[in-house]
Amino acid sequence: MISPKNLKRIGVIGGAIALAALIGHSGGLFNFSRIAPGQEPSPPGEMVRPVRTITAQKTQWPECFEAVGAVRPRTETKVEAQISGKVLKVEARPGAMVQQGQLLVLLDAQQYDARLGQARQDLNAARAAAVLARAEHGRLERLFQRGAAPKRDLDRAVENLARAQAMVQRAEDQVEEARLAQSYASVKAPDTGRITERLIEPGDIALPGRTLFLLETGGAPRLEALVREGLMGRVRLGQELEVVIPALDKAVLGRVEEIVPAVDPRTRTFLVKVVLPPTQGLYSGMFGRLRIPVGQRPVVTVESAAIGRVGQLEMVRVKDGDNWRGVYVTTGRARDGQIEVLSGLAGGETLAVEGDRP
């Protein structure tokens, strides 16, 4: 016979056991089918049917130092104002292609028009004075030949004629100078190229020497990269090096065109200029990396097509007997259709490139 006191104790113990069992089940204590971290095995009896299989390769890849730099035009021209004046009109936008002699900026030329008009009036007056001086010189020369005029009067006439002719020459120069200044009110493209930057707007005041535009003219673009001084012996003129442009998600092969033989004492780097091939979407100022080989290193590689994604994780399907299991991997650089596997594979594994996913 169980006493009420013992019955109550048994009820408490039973409740505690039930609560512990519930907590253990919620935490997966009794779930013997849990998947180990890093693997995702196919359910029993199901197999991936790959269209094609490959083998993870152990190979050697070049070990490279990456020097950072920026894409620059081979030739960049500054379009500057030659005279001061208010900007009336701007005819070019950044990125536009312009032809040599094309109008870019129109300045207010009223003061230069007035100066040209005044110079022309001065020229007319100088020419009239020269006509009178020439006539006076001729008259006195005839009188002197007949003995009717003294020599000093003829000398004075010669001097006046020379002065008048000099005034005409000076007035002509002033007209040409005023005409040239007036022409500077129309700022034109000095060469054919692409506008990379516009530094002026209508209503601004242009001043002599002030840059209005940056014009990229001719030639292939170049990557200008800063390379640490310890690698100076590994870079040579004409050498072909890989250049990575992250914005385009593209790598191209460039040629070393110029090595500046001076090291910056603050950064301990020297400047290397690499000519780039014509590339769609490549613009001046883009960030780039110059890859300089410094040796070889062992890597495990697979075809890029063998890498799948589960959310933000990368995974491959590895043959395990008659089945296939998923293995999470970490990848590195890609090269020629192959991608480096940093972790998850040791090399030699058989992988499914395509197939049914369980």
Protein backbone atom coordinates (compact mmCIF):
# COMPACT_ATOMS: atom_id res chain seq x y z
CA MET A 1 0.00 0.00 0.00
CA ILE A 2 1.58 3.32 -1.08
CA SER A 3 1.13 6.07 1.38
CA PRO A 4 -0.11 9.48 0.18
CA LYS A 5 3.26 10.94 1.08
CA ASN A 6 5.17 8.42 -1.13
CA LEU A 7 2.63 8.85 -3.93
CA LYS A 8 3.28 12.58 -3.97
CA ARG A 9 7.06 11.97 -4.10
CA ILE A 10 6.68 9.59 -7.07
CA GLY A 11 4.60 12.18 -8.92
CA VAL A 12 7.31 14.83 -8.48
CA ILE A 13 10.06 12.46 -9.70
CA GLY A 14 7.98 11.42 -12.72
CA GLY A 15 7.30 15.03 -13.68
CA ALA A 16 11.03 15.84 -13.48
CA ILE A 17 11.88 12.87 -15.73
CA ALA A 18 9.26 13.92 -18.29
CA LEU A 19 10.55 17.50 -18.31
CA ALA A 20 14.16 16.33 -18.82
CA ALA A 21 13.07 14.09 -21.70
CA LEU A 22 11.22 16.98 -23.35
CA ILE A 23 14.28 19.27 -23.08
CA GLY A 24 16.57 16.56 -24.47
CA HIS A 25 14.28 15.94 -27.43
CA SER A 26 14.07 19.66 -28.20
CA GLY A 27 17.87 19.93 -28.20
CA GLY A 28 18.24 16.98 -30.56
CA LEU A 29 19.67 14.61 -27.95
CA PHE A 30 17.75 11.69 -29.38
CA ASN A 31 18.13 12.68 -33.07
CA PHE A 32 20.62 10.07 -34.25
CA SER A 33 20.30 11.10 -37.90
CA ARG A 34 21.90 14.56 -37.54
CA ILE A 35 24.37 15.56 -40.25
CA ALA A 36 27.96 16.19 -39.20
CA PRO A 37 29.22 19.76 -39.74
CA GLY A 38 30.77 20.40 -43.14
CA GLN A 39 29.00 17.51 -44.90
CA GLU A 40 25.61 17.00 -46.48
CA PRO A 41 25.23 13.31 -47.39
CA SER A 42 22.66 12.21 -49.92
CA PRO A 43 19.68 10.31 -48.46
CA PRO A 44 20.12 6.50 -48.47
CA GLY A 45 19.28 4.91 -51.74
CA GLU A 46 19.61 8.18 -53.77
CA MET A 47 22.56 8.98 -55.93
CA VAL A 48 23.62 12.05 -57.91
CA ARG A 49 23.62 11.17 -61.58
CA PRO A 50 26.42 13.41 -62.87
CA VAL A 51 26.56 14.46 -66.49
CA ARG A 52 30.32 14.78 -66.13
CA THR A 53 32.88 14.11 -63.43
CA ILE A 54 36.29 15.63 -62.79
CA THR A 55 39.17 15.08 -60.40
CA ALA A 56 40.45 17.71 -58.00
CA GLN A 57 44.00 18.45 -59.16
CA LYS A 58 47.15 19.11 -57.19
CA THR A 59 49.26 21.55 -59.17
CA GLN A 60 51.58 24.56 -58.95
CA TRP A 61 50.39 28.10 -59.44
CA PRO A 62 52.51 31.25 -59.60
CA GLU A 63 52.82 33.07 -56.29
CA CYS A 64 52.19 36.74 -57.08
CA PHE A 65 52.64 40.06 -55.35
CA GLU A 66 49.80 42.45 -56.10
CA ALA A 67 50.69 46.11 -56.60
CA VAL A 68 47.73 48.48 -56.58
CA GLY A 69 47.29 51.35 -59.01
CA ALA A 70 44.88 53.25 -61.23
CA VAL A 71 44.06 53.33 -64.93
CA ARG A 72 45.42 56.47 -66.60
CA PRO A 73 45.34 57.69 -70.20
CA ARG A 74 48.60 57.58 -72.10
CA THR A 75 48.21 61.27 -72.95
CA GLU A 76 46.05 63.70 -70.98
CA THR A 77 45.73 67.30 -72.14
CA LYS A 78 44.62 70.21 -70.02
CA VAL A 79 42.33 72.58 -71.92
CA GLU A 80 42.95 76.03 -70.42
CA ALA A 81 41.60 79.53 -70.93
CA GLN A 82 43.92 82.04 -72.62
CA ILE A 83 41.95 85.15 -71.63
CA SER A 84 39.66 86.16 -68.78
CA GLY A 85 35.94 86.37 -69.33
CA LYS A 86 32.52 85.18 -68.24
CA VAL A 87 31.52 81.74 -69.49
CA LEU A 88 28.46 82.06 -71.73
CA LYS A 89 28.16 78.51 -73.02
CA VAL A 90 29.71 75.07 -72.38
CA GLU A 91 29.40 72.71 -75.34
CA ALA A 92 30.97 69.47 -74.02
CA ARG A 93 30.14 66.93 -71.33
CA PRO A 94 32.37 64.41 -69.51
CA GLY A 95 32.71 61.21 -71.53
CA ALA A 96 31.98 62.92 -74.86
CA MET A 97 34.26 62.38 -77.85
CA VAL A 98 35.40 65.66 -79.43
CA GLN A 99 37.26 66.45 -82.63
CA GLN A 100 40.24 68.75 -82.99
CA GLY A 101 39.01 72.34 -83.40
CA GLN A 102 35.54 71.61 -81.99
CA LEU A 103 34.05 74.42 -79.86
CA LEU A 104 34.09 73.57 -76.15
CA VAL A 105 33.47 76.87 -74.34
CA LEU A 106 32.25 80.30 -75.44
CA LEU A 107 33.38 83.32 -73.38
CA ASP A 108 31.93 86.83 -73.28
CA ALA A 109 34.03 88.74 -75.86
CA GLN A 110 32.51 92.24 -75.68
CA GLN A 111 35.64 93.90 -74.31
CA TYR A 112 37.78 92.14 -76.92
CA ASP A 113 35.42 93.20 -79.72
CA ALA A 114 35.76 96.80 -78.53
CA ARG A 115 39.54 96.47 -78.31
CA LEU A 116 39.68 95.15 -81.87
CA GLY A 117 37.52 98.03 -83.12
CA GLN A 118 39.77 100.59 -81.41
CA ALA A 119 42.88 98.94 -82.85
CA ARG A 120 41.44 99.14 -86.35
CA GLN A 121 40.68 102.86 -85.92
CA ASP A 122 44.24 103.47 -84.73
CA LEU A 123 45.53 101.62 -87.78
CA ASN A 124 43.46 103.80 -90.13
CA ALA A 125 44.79 106.94 -88.44
CA ALA A 126 48.38 105.70 -88.66
CA ARG A 127 48.00 104.91 -92.34
CA ALA A 128 46.57 108.39 -93.02
CA ALA A 129 49.50 109.98 -91.17
CA ALA A 130 51.91 107.85 -93.20
CA VAL A 131 50.32 109.04 -96.46
CA LEU A 132 50.85 112.68 -95.43
CA ALA A 133 54.41 112.01 -94.30
CA ARG A 134 55.20 110.29 -97.60
CA ALA A 135 53.77 113.21 -99.59
CA GLU A 136 55.72 115.75 -97.53
CA HIS A 137 58.90 113.75 -97.98
CA GLY A 138 58.41 113.66 -101.76
CA ARG A 139 57.76 117.39 -101.95
CA LEU A 140 60.86 118.32 -99.93
CA GLU A 141 63.01 115.86 -101.86
CA ARG A 142 62.07 117.55 -105.15
CA LEU A 143 62.74 121.01 -103.68
CA PHE A 144 66.07 119.89 -102.31
CA GLN A 145 67.14 118.56 -105.71
CA ARG A 146 66.42 122.01 -107.22
CA GLY A 147 68.23 123.71 -104.36
CA ALA A 148 65.04 125.31 -103.07
CA ALA A 149 64.98 123.51 -99.67
CA PRO A 150 67.72 123.06 -97.07
CA LYS A 151 69.10 119.63 -96.20
CA ARG A 152 67.78 119.76 -92.64
CA ASP A 153 64.17 120.05 -93.88
CA LEU A 154 64.64 116.93 -96.03
CA ASP A 155 66.20 115.06 -93.10
CA ARG A 156 63.25 116.01 -90.92
CA ALA A 157 60.83 114.75 -93.58
CA VAL A 158 62.73 111.44 -93.81
CA GLU A 159 62.52 111.08 -90.04
CA ASN A 160 58.80 111.85 -89.98
CA LEU A 161 58.13 109.32 -92.75
CA ALA A 162 60.04 106.59 -90.88
CA ARG A 163 58.12 107.39 -87.68
CA ALA A 164 54.79 107.25 -89.53
CA GLN A 165 55.66 103.90 -91.11
CA ALA A 166 56.65 102.54 -87.68
CA MET A 167 53.31 103.71 -86.28
CA VAL A 168 51.51 101.83 -89.07
CA GLN A 169 53.44 98.65 -88.24
CA ARG A 170 52.68 99.05 -84.56
CA ALA A 171 48.98 99.60 -85.27
CA GLU A 172 48.87 96.50 -87.48
CA ASP A 173 50.44 94.45 -84.66
CA GLN A 174 47.84 95.77 -82.22
CA VAL A 175 45.04 94.80 -84.60
CA GLU A 176 46.47 91.27 -84.90
CA GLU A 177 46.85 91.03 -81.12
CA ALA A 178 43.26 92.17 -80.58
CA ARG A 179 42.01 89.73 -83.22
CA LEU A 180 43.90 86.89 -81.53
CA ALA A 181 42.49 87.80 -78.10
CA GLN A 182 39.01 87.89 -79.59
CA SER A 183 39.50 84.41 -81.07
CA TYR A 184 40.45 83.07 -77.61
CA ALA A 185 36.86 83.73 -76.52
CA SER A 186 36.02 80.52 -78.40
CA VAL A 187 37.86 77.74 -76.57
CA LYS A 188 38.36 74.81 -78.94
CA ALA A 189 39.62 71.25 -78.55
CA PRO A 190 43.38 71.15 -79.17
CA ASP A 191 43.19 67.52 -80.30
CA THR A 192 40.77 64.67 -80.91
CA GLY A 193 39.92 62.74 -77.76
CA ARG A 194 37.50 62.05 -74.91
CA ILE A 195 36.51 64.57 -72.23
CA THR A 196 37.34 62.96 -68.88
CA GLU A 197 36.58 65.88 -66.58
CA ARG A 198 34.75 69.21 -66.85
CA LEU A 199 35.85 71.94 -64.46
CA ILE A 200 33.80 74.92 -65.69
CA GLU A 201 30.12 75.84 -65.76
CA PRO A 202 28.13 78.64 -67.46
CA GLY A 203 28.38 81.83 -65.42
CA ASP A 204 31.87 81.05 -64.08
CA ILE A 205 34.76 83.41 -64.72
CA ALA A 206 37.53 81.90 -66.83
CA LEU A 207 41.05 83.10 -66.09
CA PRO A 208 44.27 82.65 -68.07
CA GLY A 209 45.84 79.33 -67.10
CA ARG A 210 42.69 77.96 -65.45
CA THR A 211 41.95 74.38 -66.53
CA LEU A 212 38.52 74.03 -68.11
CA PHE A 213 38.62 70.39 -69.24
CA LEU A 214 40.81 67.31 -69.03
CA LEU A 215 41.04 65.68 -72.45
CA GLU A 216 42.19 62.09 -72.94
CA THR A 217 43.92 61.97 -76.31
CA GLY A 218 45.07 58.93 -78.24
CA GLY A 219 46.90 55.77 -77.26
CA ALA A 220 45.94 52.76 -75.17
CA PRO A 221 45.23 53.29 -71.46
CA ARG A 222 47.83 52.31 -68.88
CA LEU A 223 47.79 51.01 -65.33
CA GLU A 224 50.13 53.06 -63.17
CA ALA A 225 51.01 50.93 -60.15
CA LEU A 226 53.29 51.45 -57.15
CA VAL A 227 55.58 48.44 -56.66
CA ARG A 228 57.68 47.94 -53.54
CA GLU A 229 61.39 48.48 -54.07
CA GLY A 230 62.31 44.87 -53.19
CA LEU A 231 60.66 43.71 -56.43
CA MET A 232 62.52 46.05 -58.77
CA GLY A 233 64.58 43.16 -60.10
CA ARG A 234 61.44 41.18 -61.02
CA VAL A 235 59.96 43.82 -63.33
CA ARG A 236 61.47 44.62 -66.72
CA LEU A 237 60.50 46.59 -69.81
CA GLY A 238 58.39 44.63 -72.30
CA GLN A 239 57.37 42.05 -69.69
CA GLU A 240 53.78 40.79 -69.89
CA LEU A 241 51.97 40.82 -66.54
CA GLU A 242 48.41 40.10 -65.46
CA VAL A 243 46.28 43.10 -64.51
CA VAL A 244 43.06 42.61 -62.54
CA ILE A 245 40.27 45.22 -62.84
CA PRO A 246 37.83 44.45 -59.98
CA ALA A 247 35.12 46.82 -61.26
CA LEU A 248 34.88 44.78 -64.47
CA ASP A 249 35.52 41.44 -62.73
CA LYS A 250 38.11 40.84 -65.41
CA ALA A 251 41.83 40.08 -65.74
CA VAL A 252 43.79 41.21 -68.80
CA LEU A 253 47.36 40.82 -69.94
CA GLY A 254 49.34 44.07 -70.02
CA ARG A 255 52.86 45.00 -71.14
CA VAL A 256 55.35 46.98 -69.05
CA GLU A 257 56.05 50.15 -71.01
CA GLU A 258 57.81 52.36 -68.48
CA ILE A 259 59.63 51.93 -65.17
CA VAL A 260 60.35 55.16 -63.31
CA PRO A 261 63.90 54.69 -61.95
CA ALA A 262 63.26 56.54 -58.69
CA VAL A 263 62.01 55.20 -55.35
CA ASP A 264 59.68 57.28 -53.20
CA PRO A 265 61.51 57.53 -49.84
CA ARG A 266 58.21 57.75 -47.95
CA THR A 267 56.51 54.64 -49.36
CA ARG A 268 59.61 52.73 -50.57
CA THR A 269 57.89 52.10 -53.90
CA PHE A 270 58.62 52.84 -57.56
CA LEU A 271 56.17 53.57 -60.37
CA VAL A 272 55.48 51.02 -63.12
CA LYS A 273 53.33 51.86 -66.16
CA VAL A 274 51.68 48.93 -67.94
CA VAL A 275 49.92 49.29 -71.32
CA LEU A 276 46.47 47.65 -71.35
CA PRO A 277 44.65 46.14 -74.33
CA PRO A 278 41.40 47.73 -75.56
CA THR A 279 38.78 46.69 -72.98
CA GLN A 280 35.06 47.41 -73.06
CA GLY A 281 33.97 49.48 -70.07
CA LEU A 282 37.49 50.46 -69.01
CA TYR A 283 37.71 54.11 -67.95
CA SER A 284 40.38 56.41 -66.63
CA GLY A 285 40.66 56.37 -62.84
CA MET A 286 39.52 52.77 -62.35
CA PHE A 287 41.26 50.77 -59.62
CA GLY A 288 43.52 47.91 -60.72
CA ARG A 289 45.98 45.36 -59.38
CA LEU A 290 49.25 44.45 -61.08
CA ARG A 291 50.22 40.82 -60.38
CA ILE A 292 53.99 40.24 -60.28
CA PRO A 293 55.15 36.58 -60.11
CA VAL A 294 57.55 35.92 -57.23
CA GLY A 295 57.57 32.09 -57.18
CA GLN A 296 55.42 28.93 -57.25
CA ARG A 297 53.10 27.41 -54.63
CA PRO A 298 51.14 24.13 -54.43
CA VAL A 299 47.37 24.42 -54.86
CA VAL A 300 44.30 22.22 -55.22
CA THR A 301 42.17 23.28 -58.18
CA VAL A 302 38.85 22.29 -59.71
CA GLU A 303 36.79 23.56 -62.61
CA SER A 304 34.73 26.60 -61.69
CA ALA A 305 31.59 24.75 -62.87
CA ALA A 306 32.03 22.20 -60.06
CA ILE A 307 31.43 24.82 -57.37
CA GLY A 308 27.83 25.16 -56.22
CA ARG A 309 26.34 27.56 -53.70
CA VAL A 310 24.11 26.97 -50.71
CA GLY A 311 23.15 30.42 -49.56
CA GLN A 312 26.49 32.17 -49.13
CA LEU A 313 28.40 28.91 -48.71
CA GLU A 314 30.29 27.09 -51.47
CA MET A 315 29.92 23.34 -51.90
CA VAL A 316 31.09 20.51 -54.17
CA ARG A 317 29.72 16.99 -54.66
CA VAL A 318 32.34 14.35 -53.85
CA LYS A 319 32.03 10.67 -54.86
CA ASP A 320 31.80 8.43 -51.78
CA GLY A 321 31.53 4.80 -52.85
CA ASP A 322 28.34 4.49 -54.88
CA ASN A 323 26.89 7.71 -53.48
CA TRP A 324 27.78 11.38 -53.54
CA ARG A 325 28.11 13.66 -50.56
CA GLY A 326 28.20 17.42 -50.31
CA VAL A 327 31.37 19.01 -48.95
CA TYR A 328 31.62 22.67 -48.10
CA VAL A 329 34.75 24.35 -49.46
CA THR A 330 36.48 27.70 -49.40
CA THR A 331 37.76 28.99 -52.73
CA GLY A 332 40.44 31.46 -53.71
CA ARG A 333 41.62 32.87 -57.02
CA ALA A 334 40.30 31.79 -60.41
CA ARG A 335 42.51 31.29 -63.44
CA ASP A 336 41.83 29.93 -66.94
CA GLY A 337 38.54 28.31 -65.94
CA GLN A 338 40.05 26.72 -62.82
CA ILE A 339 39.50 27.88 -59.25
CA GLU A 340 41.72 27.38 -56.24
CA VAL A 341 40.27 25.40 -53.30
CA LEU A 342 41.72 26.67 -50.04
CA SER A 343 39.95 24.20 -47.74
CA GLY A 344 37.65 21.19 -47.96
CA LEU A 345 39.56 19.14 -50.55
CA ALA A 346 42.98 17.50 -50.46
CA GLY A 347 43.27 16.71 -54.17
CA GLY A 348 42.45 13.51 -56.02
CA GLU A 349 38.73 13.49 -55.14
CA THR A 350 36.18 12.75 -57.87
CA LEU A 351 33.65 15.56 -58.21
CA ALA A 352 30.32 15.90 -59.99
CA VAL A 353 30.27 18.87 -62.32
CA GLU A 354 26.58 18.58 -63.23
CA GLY A 355 23.81 16.24 -62.16
CA ASP A 356 20.60 15.70 -60.23
CA ARG A 357 20.74 17.08 -56.72
CA PRO A 358 19.16 14.88 -54.05
